[in-house]
Protein backbone atom coordinates (compact mmCIF):
# COMPACT_ATOMS: atom_id res chain seq x y z
CA MET A 1 -36.32 26.10 -11.49
CA THR A 2 -33.10 26.25 -13.55
CA GLN A 3 -32.15 29.49 -11.85
CA LEU A 4 -32.62 27.89 -8.42
CA ARG A 5 -30.51 24.87 -9.34
CA THR A 6 -27.80 27.18 -10.70
CA CYS A 7 -27.89 29.23 -7.47
CA ASP A 8 -27.65 26.02 -5.32
CA GLN A 9 -24.76 24.79 -7.44
CA ALA A 10 -22.98 28.15 -7.03
CA VAL A 11 -23.31 27.90 -3.22
CA LEU A 12 -21.91 24.34 -3.25
CA ASP A 13 -19.04 25.38 -5.45
CA MET A 14 -18.30 28.35 -3.17
CA ASN A 15 -18.40 26.05 -0.07
CA ARG A 16 -16.00 23.61 -1.74
CA ARG A 17 -13.62 26.42 -2.65
CA LYS A 18 -13.71 27.78 0.90
CA PHE A 19 -13.06 24.32 2.30
CA LEU A 20 -10.09 23.77 -0.03
CA GLN A 21 -8.76 27.23 0.83
CA LEU A 22 -8.98 26.37 4.52
CA LEU A 23 -7.04 23.20 3.90
CA ALA A 24 -4.44 25.03 1.83
CA PHE A 25 -3.84 27.65 4.49
CA GLY A 26 -3.26 25.43 7.47
CA GLY A 27 -6.81 24.32 8.12
CA ALA A 28 -5.76 20.72 7.60
CA SER A 29 -5.15 20.49 11.38
CA LEU A 30 -8.95 20.67 11.77
CA LEU A 31 -9.15 17.22 10.27
CA THR A 32 -7.58 15.76 13.37
CA ALA A 33 -9.45 17.91 15.84
CA PRO A 34 -10.71 15.75 18.71
CA PHE A 35 -14.23 17.16 18.49
CA LEU A 36 -14.45 16.04 14.86
CA PHE A 37 -12.82 12.63 15.23
CA PRO A 38 -12.63 11.72 18.93
CA ARG A 39 -11.04 8.32 18.31
CA LEU A 40 -8.01 10.02 16.72
CA SER A 41 -7.20 11.95 19.90
CA SER A 42 -3.96 10.81 21.52
CA ALA A 43 -4.93 11.79 25.07
CA GLY A 44 -7.39 9.96 27.18
CA SER A 45 -7.64 6.53 28.55
CA THR A 46 -8.15 2.98 27.37
CA GLU A 47 -8.92 -0.02 29.51
CA ALA A 48 -6.00 -2.26 28.61
CA ILE A 49 -3.08 -3.09 26.43
CA LEU A 50 -3.35 -6.36 24.43
CA LEU A 51 -0.32 -8.29 23.37
CA THR A 52 -0.97 -10.86 20.62
CA CYS A 53 0.94 -12.81 18.00
CA MET A 54 1.17 -11.61 14.41
CA ASP A 55 -0.66 -14.62 13.02
CA TYR A 56 -3.09 -13.40 10.38
CA ARG A 57 -5.33 -16.43 10.84
CA LEU A 58 -6.76 -15.06 14.11
CA THR A 59 -7.12 -11.31 13.57
CA ALA A 60 -10.91 -11.45 13.20
CA GLU A 61 -11.24 -13.77 16.23
CA ILE A 62 -9.13 -11.50 18.38
CA GLU A 63 -11.27 -8.54 17.45
CA GLN A 64 -14.45 -10.52 18.11
CA TYR A 65 -13.07 -11.64 21.51
CA MET A 66 -12.25 -8.03 22.54
CA GLU A 67 -15.62 -6.79 21.27
CA GLY A 68 -17.35 -9.54 23.24
CA ARG A 69 -15.65 -8.23 26.36
CA GLY A 70 -16.86 -4.70 25.64
CA LEU A 71 -13.30 -3.60 24.90
CA LEU A 72 -13.48 -2.78 21.16
CA HIS A 73 -11.79 0.58 20.60
CA LYS A 74 -10.82 0.62 24.30
CA PHE A 75 -7.43 -1.09 24.14
CA ASP A 76 -3.95 -0.51 22.78
CA HIS A 77 -2.65 -3.39 20.66
CA VAL A 78 0.96 -4.63 20.50
CA VAL A 79 1.81 -7.39 18.08
CA LEU A 80 4.92 -9.58 18.44
CA ALA A 81 5.54 -12.97 16.82
CA GLY A 82 4.86 -15.46 19.58
CA ALA A 83 3.13 -12.87 21.81
CA SER A 84 4.41 -13.70 25.30
CA LEU A 85 7.42 -15.61 23.90
CA GLY A 86 8.26 -12.62 21.71
CA ALA A 87 8.25 -10.35 24.77
CA VAL A 88 10.56 -12.53 26.89
CA THR A 89 12.81 -14.42 24.48
CA ALA A 90 16.54 -13.83 24.61
CA ALA A 91 16.70 -14.52 20.91
CA HIS A 92 15.07 -11.16 20.04
CA LYS A 93 16.04 -8.66 22.74
CA SER A 94 14.84 -5.73 20.65
CA TRP A 95 11.33 -7.26 20.77
CA ASN A 96 11.55 -7.34 24.57
CA LYS A 97 12.52 -3.66 24.57
CA THR A 98 9.70 -2.79 22.16
CA PHE A 99 7.10 -4.50 24.35
CA TRP A 100 8.27 -2.71 27.55
CA GLU A 101 8.38 0.67 25.81
CA HIS A 102 4.87 0.20 24.48
CA LEU A 103 3.65 -0.81 27.94
CA ASP A 104 5.28 2.24 29.54
CA ILE A 105 3.74 4.55 26.93
CA ALA A 106 0.29 2.91 27.23
CA GLU A 107 0.35 3.39 31.00
CA GLN A 108 1.56 7.01 30.80
CA LEU A 109 -0.48 8.18 27.85
CA HIS A 110 -3.66 6.12 28.03
CA HIS A 111 -3.75 5.24 31.73
CA ILE A 112 -4.30 1.54 31.16
CA LYS A 113 -5.26 -0.61 34.12
CA GLU A 114 -4.72 -4.08 32.60
CA VAL A 115 -2.37 -6.07 30.44
CA ILE A 116 -3.98 -8.84 28.39
CA VAL A 117 -1.54 -11.33 26.89
CA MET A 118 -3.01 -13.69 24.36
CA ASP A 119 -0.97 -16.57 22.94
CA HIS A 120 -2.51 -18.99 20.46
CA ARG A 121 -2.22 -22.64 19.57
CA ASP A 122 -0.30 -23.84 16.53
CA CYS A 123 2.01 -20.81 16.78
CA GLY A 124 4.70 -20.72 14.12
CA ALA A 125 6.89 -18.45 16.19
CA TYR A 126 6.95 -21.03 19.02
CA LYS A 127 7.92 -23.71 16.47
CA VAL A 128 10.75 -21.54 15.07
CA MET A 129 12.10 -20.35 18.43
CA LEU A 130 11.51 -23.41 20.59
CA GLY A 131 11.27 -26.25 18.06
CA PRO A 132 8.33 -28.33 16.91
CA ASP A 133 8.29 -30.62 19.96
CA HIS A 134 6.23 -28.16 22.03
CA THR A 135 3.20 -28.96 19.81
CA LYS A 136 3.41 -32.75 19.89
CA ASP A 137 0.19 -32.93 21.93
CA PRO A 138 -2.34 -30.35 23.27
CA ASP A 139 -1.18 -30.65 26.90
CA THR A 140 2.50 -30.14 26.08
CA GLU A 141 1.58 -27.18 23.88
CA LYS A 142 -0.55 -25.64 26.63
CA ASN A 143 2.21 -26.15 29.21
CA THR A 144 4.79 -24.53 26.97
CA HIS A 145 2.58 -21.48 26.48
CA ALA A 146 1.77 -21.37 30.17
CA LYS A 147 5.49 -21.28 31.00
CA GLN A 148 6.08 -18.21 28.77
CA LEU A 149 2.86 -16.52 29.88
CA HIS A 150 3.75 -16.93 33.56
CA LEU A 151 7.26 -15.65 32.97
CA LEU A 152 5.88 -12.49 31.30
CA ARG A 153 3.19 -12.02 33.94
CA ASN A 154 5.83 -12.16 36.69
CA GLN A 155 7.98 -9.62 34.86
CA ILE A 156 5.06 -7.25 34.39
CA GLY A 157 4.11 -7.63 38.04
CA LYS A 158 7.62 -6.60 39.13
CA LYS A 159 7.90 -3.60 36.76
CA HIS A 160 4.21 -2.48 36.89
CA PRO A 161 2.75 -3.75 40.15
CA THR A 162 -0.48 -1.74 39.84
CA LEU A 163 -1.45 -3.29 36.54
CA LYS A 164 -3.72 -6.38 36.43
CA VAL A 165 -2.31 -9.06 34.12
CA GLU A 166 -4.50 -11.62 32.32
CA THR A 167 -2.95 -14.50 30.37
CA LEU A 168 -4.91 -16.33 27.70
CA LEU A 169 -4.51 -19.02 25.09
CA MET A 170 -6.62 -18.95 21.95
CA GLY A 171 -7.41 -21.99 19.79
CA LEU A 172 -7.53 -21.79 16.05
CA ASP A 173 -11.30 -21.97 16.39
CA GLY A 174 -11.29 -18.69 18.31
CA LYS A 175 -12.05 -20.18 21.70
CA VAL A 176 -10.07 -18.61 24.51
CA GLU A 177 -8.98 -20.24 27.74
CA MET A 178 -7.49 -18.54 30.83
CA ILE A 179 -4.02 -19.62 31.81
CA ALA A 180 -3.79 -19.18 35.59
């Protein structure tokens, strides 16, 4: 029995050595081979690109929402403070450029068919960029978000007329409402 265990151990040690040799001599590229880890492959398609705010309070809710729609691991994710506001504000033109470049890449590389823009209530970026008055009551807050969401939807429609655009507003409780 001891001899068998020693023999098995020798085979394991040999396999480890061969694996490490493979890695040392350029085999590391195997670690990203699409057949080993298909989600790491850069080619292919996803359903959509999602633009959300950077607010850490809603990361789990956003993931749950996308999973509930059957889109988990089927979307590209762009994060800008203020989401739609971040993509259209004149105060941060580099953010605008970043959003459009990400959208272009997602369409070319991943063949997206839809843009989902998800703002959220009690957004600090809106308070910083537009002032605290936009949150004085739920209707005013919703209208302020709707204005930015519509502006971005119209811009996307002009630059990418084949893409479907969906605009949403998430509450801090994770409930999502469509903004038409």
